[in-house]
Amino acid sequence: MFRITARTVLELGAELISSDIIAFYELIKNGFDAVTRRGVEVRFDIPIPRHNYPVA
């Protein structure tokens, strides 16, 4: 497993990928193309600032 930052995605894909949707599509497609026995997990962790949490 490896981790990359959003900045890395922007730098690597700025010239090749025209939108976020295309970038995610390519990421998922590449995972399927890898043809591993264990499969591929694509997970997006999106931090939400505490002030944006709903008040219960």
PDB file of N, CA and C in Angstrom:
ATOM      1  N   MET A   1       0.842  -1.169   0.000  1.00  0.00           N
ATOM      2  CA  MET A   1       0.000   0.000   0.000  1.00  0.00           C
ATOM      3  C   MET A   1       0.893   1.239   0.000  1.00  0.00           C
ATOM      4  N   PHE A   2       0.460   2.250  -0.660  1.00  0.00           N
ATOM      5  CA  PHE A   2       1.160   3.523  -0.631  1.00  0.00           C
ATOM      6  C   PHE A   2       0.152   4.643  -0.498  1.00  0.00           C
ATOM      7  N   ARG A   3       0.612   5.750   0.016  1.00  0.00           N
ATOM      8  CA  ARG A   3      -0.259   6.904   0.208  1.00  0.00           C
ATOM      9  C   ARG A   3       0.307   8.078  -0.574  1.00  0.00           C
ATOM     10  N   ILE A   4      -0.579   8.834  -1.155  1.00  0.00           N
ATOM     11  CA  ILE A   4      -0.167  10.045  -1.856  1.00  0.00           C
ATOM     12  C   ILE A   4      -1.043  11.193  -1.387  1.00  0.00           C
ATOM     13  N   THR A   5      -0.558  12.375  -1.564  1.00  0.00           N
ATOM     14  CA  THR A   5      -1.339  13.549  -1.182  1.00  0.00           C
ATOM     15  C   THR A   5      -2.088  14.087  -2.401  1.00  0.00           C
ATOM     16  N   ALA A   6      -3.068  14.900  -2.143  1.00  0.00           N
ATOM     17  CA  ALA A   6      -3.816  15.525  -3.232  1.00  0.00           C
ATOM     18  C   ALA A   6      -2.883  16.363  -4.099  1.00  0.00           C
ATOM     19  N   ARG A   7      -1.898  16.977  -3.475  1.00  0.00           N
ATOM     20  CA  ARG A   7      -0.919  17.796  -4.221  1.00  0.00           C
ATOM     21  C   ARG A   7      -0.169  16.939  -5.240  1.00  0.00           C
ATOM     22  N   THR A   8       0.193  15.719  -4.852  1.00  0.00           N
ATOM     23  CA  THR A   8       0.887  14.812  -5.768  1.00  0.00           C
ATOM     24  C   THR A   8       0.018  14.495  -6.974  1.00  0.00           C
ATOM     25  N   VAL A   9      -1.246  14.218  -6.718  1.00  0.00           N
ATOM     26  CA  VAL A   9      -2.172  13.934  -7.821  1.00  0.00           C
ATOM     27  C   VAL A   9      -2.239  15.124  -8.768  1.00  0.00           C
ATOM     28  N   LEU A  10      -2.319  16.312  -8.205  1.00  0.00           N
ATOM     29  CA  LEU A  10      -2.388  17.517  -9.034  1.00  0.00           C
ATOM     30  C   LEU A  10      -1.126  17.668  -9.881  1.00  0.00           C
ATOM     31  N   GLU A  11       0.030  17.458  -9.280  1.00  0.00           N
ATOM     32  CA  GLU A  11       1.290  17.619 -10.005  1.00  0.00           C
ATOM     33  C   GLU A  11       1.447  16.580 -11.112  1.00  0.00           C
ATOM     34  N   LEU A  12       1.150  15.327 -10.798  1.00  0.00           N
ATOM     35  CA  LEU A  12       1.333  14.260 -11.781  1.00  0.00           C
ATOM     36  C   LEU A  12       0.307  14.316 -12.907  1.00  0.00           C
ATOM     37  N   GLY A  13      -0.904  14.703 -12.578  1.00  0.00           N
ATOM     38  CA  GLY A  13      -1.963  14.646 -13.563  1.00  0.00           C
ATOM     39  C   GLY A  13      -2.320  15.952 -14.230  1.00  0.00           C
ATOM     40  N   ALA A  14      -1.678  17.037 -13.861  1.00  0.00           N
ATOM     41  CA  ALA A  14      -2.059  18.349 -14.372  1.00  0.00           C
ATOM     42  C   ALA A  14      -2.016  18.414 -15.895  1.00  0.00           C
ATOM     43  N   GLU A  15      -1.036  17.777 -16.480  1.00  0.00           N
ATOM     44  CA  GLU A  15      -0.886  17.828 -17.930  1.00  0.00           C
ATOM     45  C   GLU A  15      -1.713  16.760 -18.646  1.00  0.00           C
ATOM     46  N   LEU A  16      -2.026  15.654 -17.964  1.00  0.00           N
ATOM     47  CA  LEU A  16      -2.654  14.507 -18.629  1.00  0.00           C
ATOM     48  C   LEU A  16      -4.142  14.361 -18.351  1.00  0.00           C
ATOM     49  N   ILE A  17      -4.593  14.824 -17.206  1.00  0.00           N
ATOM     50  CA  ILE A  17      -5.962  14.567 -16.787  1.00  0.00           C
ATOM     51  C   ILE A  17      -6.697  15.891 -16.652  1.00  0.00           C
ATOM     52  N   SER A  18      -7.810  15.981 -17.330  1.00  0.00           N
ATOM     53  CA  SER A  18      -8.500  17.265 -17.457  1.00  0.00           C
ATOM     54  C   SER A  18      -9.465  17.580 -16.318  1.00  0.00           C
ATOM     55  N   SER A  19      -9.827  16.602 -15.501  1.00  0.00           N
ATOM     56  CA  SER A  19     -10.779  16.879 -14.427  1.00  0.00           C
ATOM     57  C   SER A  19     -10.615  15.866 -13.293  1.00  0.00           C
ATOM     58  N   ASP A  20     -11.195  16.174 -12.142  1.00  0.00           N
ATOM     59  CA  ASP A  20     -11.148  15.262 -11.003  1.00  0.00           C
ATOM     60  C   ASP A  20     -11.839  13.942 -11.327  1.00  0.00           C
ATOM     61  N   ILE A  21     -12.946  14.015 -12.032  1.00  0.00           N
ATOM     62  CA  ILE A  21     -13.693  12.802 -12.382  1.00  0.00           C
ATOM     63  C   ILE A  21     -12.831  11.877 -13.235  1.00  0.00           C
ATOM     64  N   ILE A  22     -12.143  12.428 -14.215  1.00  0.00           N
ATOM     65  CA  ILE A  22     -11.253  11.616 -15.064  1.00  0.00           C
ATOM     66  C   ILE A  22     -10.132  11.018 -14.219  1.00  0.00           C
ATOM     67  N   ALA A  23      -9.589  11.783 -13.274  1.00  0.00           N
ATOM     68  CA  ALA A  23      -8.510  11.288 -12.411  1.00  0.00           C
ATOM     69  C   ALA A  23      -8.991  10.095 -11.579  1.00  0.00           C
ATOM     70  N   PHE A  24     -10.166  10.209 -10.971  1.00  0.00           N
ATOM     71  CA  PHE A  24     -10.693   9.101 -10.179  1.00  0.00           C
ATOM     72  C   PHE A  24     -10.985   7.896 -11.055  1.00  0.00           C
ATOM     73  N   TYR A  25     -11.543   8.125 -12.223  1.00  0.00           N
ATOM     74  CA  TYR A  25     -11.803   7.042 -13.166  1.00  0.00           C
ATOM     75  C   TYR A  25     -10.513   6.308 -13.508  1.00  0.00           C
ATOM     76  N   GLU A  26      -9.461   7.046 -13.808  1.00  0.00           N
ATOM     77  CA  GLU A  26      -8.173   6.445 -14.160  1.00  0.00           C
ATOM     78  C   GLU A  26      -7.593   5.665 -12.987  1.00  0.00           C
ATOM     79  N   LEU A  27      -7.706   6.202 -11.781  1.00  0.00           N
ATOM     80  CA  LEU A  27      -7.211   5.516 -10.592  1.00  0.00           C
ATOM     81  C   LEU A  27      -7.904   4.167 -10.416  1.00  0.00           C
ATOM     82  N   ILE A  28      -9.213   4.160 -10.516  1.00  0.00           N
ATOM     83  CA  ILE A  28      -9.984   2.925 -10.353  1.00  0.00           C
ATOM     84  C   ILE A  28      -9.710   1.960 -11.496  1.00  0.00           C
ATOM     85  N   LYS A  29      -9.658   2.469 -12.715  1.00  0.00           N
ATOM     86  CA  LYS A  29      -9.369   1.618 -13.875  1.00  0.00           C
ATOM     87  C   LYS A  29      -7.993   0.971 -13.753  1.00  0.00           C
ATOM     88  N   ASN A  30      -7.005   1.732 -13.311  1.00  0.00           N
ATOM     89  CA  ASN A  30      -5.667   1.181 -13.133  1.00  0.00           C
ATOM     90  C   ASN A  30      -5.656   0.093 -12.063  1.00  0.00           C
ATOM     91  N   GLY A  31      -6.482   0.263 -11.047  1.00  0.00           N
ATOM     92  CA  GLY A  31      -6.600  -0.775 -10.030  1.00  0.00           C
ATOM     93  C   GLY A  31      -7.123  -2.075 -10.609  1.00  0.00           C
ATOM     94  N   PHE A  32      -8.116  -1.999 -11.458  1.00  0.00           N
ATOM     95  CA  PHE A  32      -8.634  -3.200 -12.104  1.00  0.00           C
ATOM     96  C   PHE A  32      -7.611  -3.788 -13.072  1.00  0.00           C
ATOM     97  N   ASP A  33      -6.912  -2.943 -13.775  1.00  0.00           N
ATOM     98  CA  ASP A  33      -5.897  -3.410 -14.726  1.00  0.00           C
ATOM     99  C   ASP A  33      -4.736  -4.118 -14.042  1.00  0.00           C
ATOM    100  N   ALA A  34      -4.523  -3.856 -12.745  1.00  0.00           N
ATOM    101  CA  ALA A  34      -3.415  -4.475 -12.017  1.00  0.00           C
ATOM    102  C   ALA A  34      -3.607  -5.984 -11.874  1.00  0.00           C
ATOM    103  N   VAL A  35      -4.829  -6.474 -11.938  1.00  0.00           N
ATOM    104  CA  VAL A  35      -5.164  -7.894 -11.866  1.00  0.00           C
ATOM    105  C   VAL A  35      -4.404  -8.590 -10.727  1.00  0.00           C
ATOM    106  N   THR A  36      -4.738  -8.216  -9.509  1.00  0.00           N
ATOM    107  CA  THR A  36      -4.115  -8.849  -8.356  1.00  0.00           C
ATOM    108  C   THR A  36      -5.049  -9.898  -7.783  1.00  0.00           C
ATOM    109  N   ARG A  37      -4.486 -10.867  -7.099  1.00  0.00           N
ATOM    110  CA  ARG A  37      -5.303 -11.901  -6.460  1.00  0.00           C
ATOM    111  C   ARG A  37      -6.024 -11.350  -5.236  1.00  0.00           C
ATOM    112  N   ARG A  38      -5.421 -10.382  -4.583  1.00  0.00           N
ATOM    113  CA  ARG A  38      -6.014  -9.809  -3.376  1.00  0.00           C
ATOM    114  C   ARG A  38      -7.049  -8.733  -3.679  1.00  0.00           C
ATOM    115  N   GLY A  39      -7.105  -8.265  -4.907  1.00  0.00           N
ATOM    116  CA  GLY A  39      -8.032  -7.201  -5.247  1.00  0.00           C
ATOM    117  C   GLY A  39      -7.416  -5.834  -5.003  1.00  0.00           C
ATOM    118  N   VAL A  40      -8.199  -4.830  -5.215  1.00  0.00           N
ATOM    119  CA  VAL A  40      -7.743  -3.459  -5.066  1.00  0.00           C
ATOM    120  C   VAL A  40      -8.754  -2.709  -4.221  1.00  0.00           C
ATOM    121  N   GLU A  41      -8.257  -1.939  -3.276  1.00  0.00           N
ATOM    122  CA  GLU A  41      -9.126  -1.103  -2.454  1.00  0.00           C
ATOM    123  C   GLU A  41      -8.792   0.354  -2.738  1.00  0.00           C
ATOM    124  N   VAL A  42      -9.807   1.108  -3.108  1.00  0.00           N
ATOM    125  CA  VAL A  42      -9.641   2.553  -3.302  1.00  0.00           C
ATOM    126  C   VAL A  42     -10.491   3.217  -2.232  1.00  0.00           C
ATOM    127  N   ARG A  43      -9.833   3.978  -1.379  1.00  0.00           N
ATOM    128  CA  ARG A  43     -10.541   4.619  -0.278  1.00  0.00           C
ATOM    129  C   ARG A  43     -10.186   6.096  -0.263  1.00  0.00           C
ATOM    130  N   PHE A  44     -11.178   6.911  -0.093  1.00  0.00           N
ATOM    131  CA  PHE A  44     -10.978   8.351  -0.018  1.00  0.00           C
ATOM    132  C   PHE A  44     -11.295   8.797   1.402  1.00  0.00           C
ATOM    133  N   ASP A  45     -10.311   9.310   2.099  1.00  0.00           N
ATOM    134  CA  ASP A  45     -10.507   9.871   3.426  1.00  0.00           C
ATOM    135  C   ASP A  45     -10.580  11.380   3.271  1.00  0.00           C
ATOM    136  N   ILE A  46     -11.735  11.936   3.605  1.00  0.00           N
ATOM    137  CA  ILE A  46     -11.946  13.365   3.441  1.00  0.00           C
ATOM    138  C   ILE A  46     -12.174  13.968   4.821  1.00  0.00           C
ATOM    139  N   PRO A  47     -11.166  14.637   5.355  1.00  0.00           N
ATOM    140  CA  PRO A  47     -11.341  15.226   6.688  1.00  0.00           C
ATOM    141  C   PRO A  47     -12.342  16.378   6.661  1.00  0.00           C
ATOM    142  N   ILE A  48     -13.163  16.434   7.675  1.00  0.00           N
ATOM    143  CA  ILE A  48     -14.143  17.509   7.805  1.00  0.00           C
ATOM    144  C   ILE A  48     -13.763  18.321   9.047  1.00  0.00           C
ATOM    145  N   PRO A  49     -13.568  19.620   8.892  1.00  0.00           N
ATOM    146  CA  PRO A  49     -13.241  20.441  10.065  1.00  0.00           C
ATOM    147  C   PRO A  49     -14.332  20.343  11.128  1.00  0.00           C
ATOM    148  N   ARG A  50     -13.918  20.381  12.383  1.00  0.00           N
ATOM    149  CA  ARG A  50     -14.851  20.219  13.495  1.00  0.00           C
ATOM    150  C   ARG A  50     -16.018  21.200  13.429  1.00  0.00           C
ATOM    151  N   HIS A  51     -15.774  22.422  12.984  1.00  0.00           N
ATOM    152  CA  HIS A  51     -16.865  23.408  12.942  1.00  0.00           C
ATOM    153  C   HIS A  51     -17.918  23.079  11.892  1.00  0.00           C
ATOM    154  N   ASN A  52     -17.654  22.108  11.032  1.00  0.00           N
ATOM    155  CA  ASN A  52     -18.632  21.709  10.020  1.00  0.00           C
ATOM    156  C   ASN A  52     -19.497  20.519  10.455  1.00  0.00           C
ATOM    157  N   TYR A  53     -19.208  19.931  11.629  1.00  0.00           N
ATOM    158  CA  TYR A  53     -20.025  18.828  12.125  1.00  0.00           C
ATOM    159  C   TYR A  53     -21.396  19.335  12.523  1.00  0.00           C
ATOM    160  N   PRO A  54     -22.437  18.559  12.231  1.00  0.00           N
ATOM    161  CA  PRO A  54     -23.776  18.982  12.671  1.00  0.00           C
ATOM    162  C   PRO A  54     -23.887  18.904  14.191  1.00  0.00           C
ATOM    163  N   VAL A  55     -24.632  19.813  14.754  1.00  0.00           N
ATOM    164  CA  VAL A  55     -24.848  19.832  16.201  1.00  0.00           C
ATOM    165  C   VAL A  55     -26.052  18.960  16.515  1.00  0.00           C
ATOM    166  N   ALA A  56     -25.860  18.021  17.443  1.00  0.00           N
ATOM    167  CA  ALA A  56     -26.960  17.097  17.776  1.00  0.00           C
ATOM    168  C   ALA A  56     -27.831  17.635  18.879  1.00  0.00           C
TER     169      ALA A  56
END
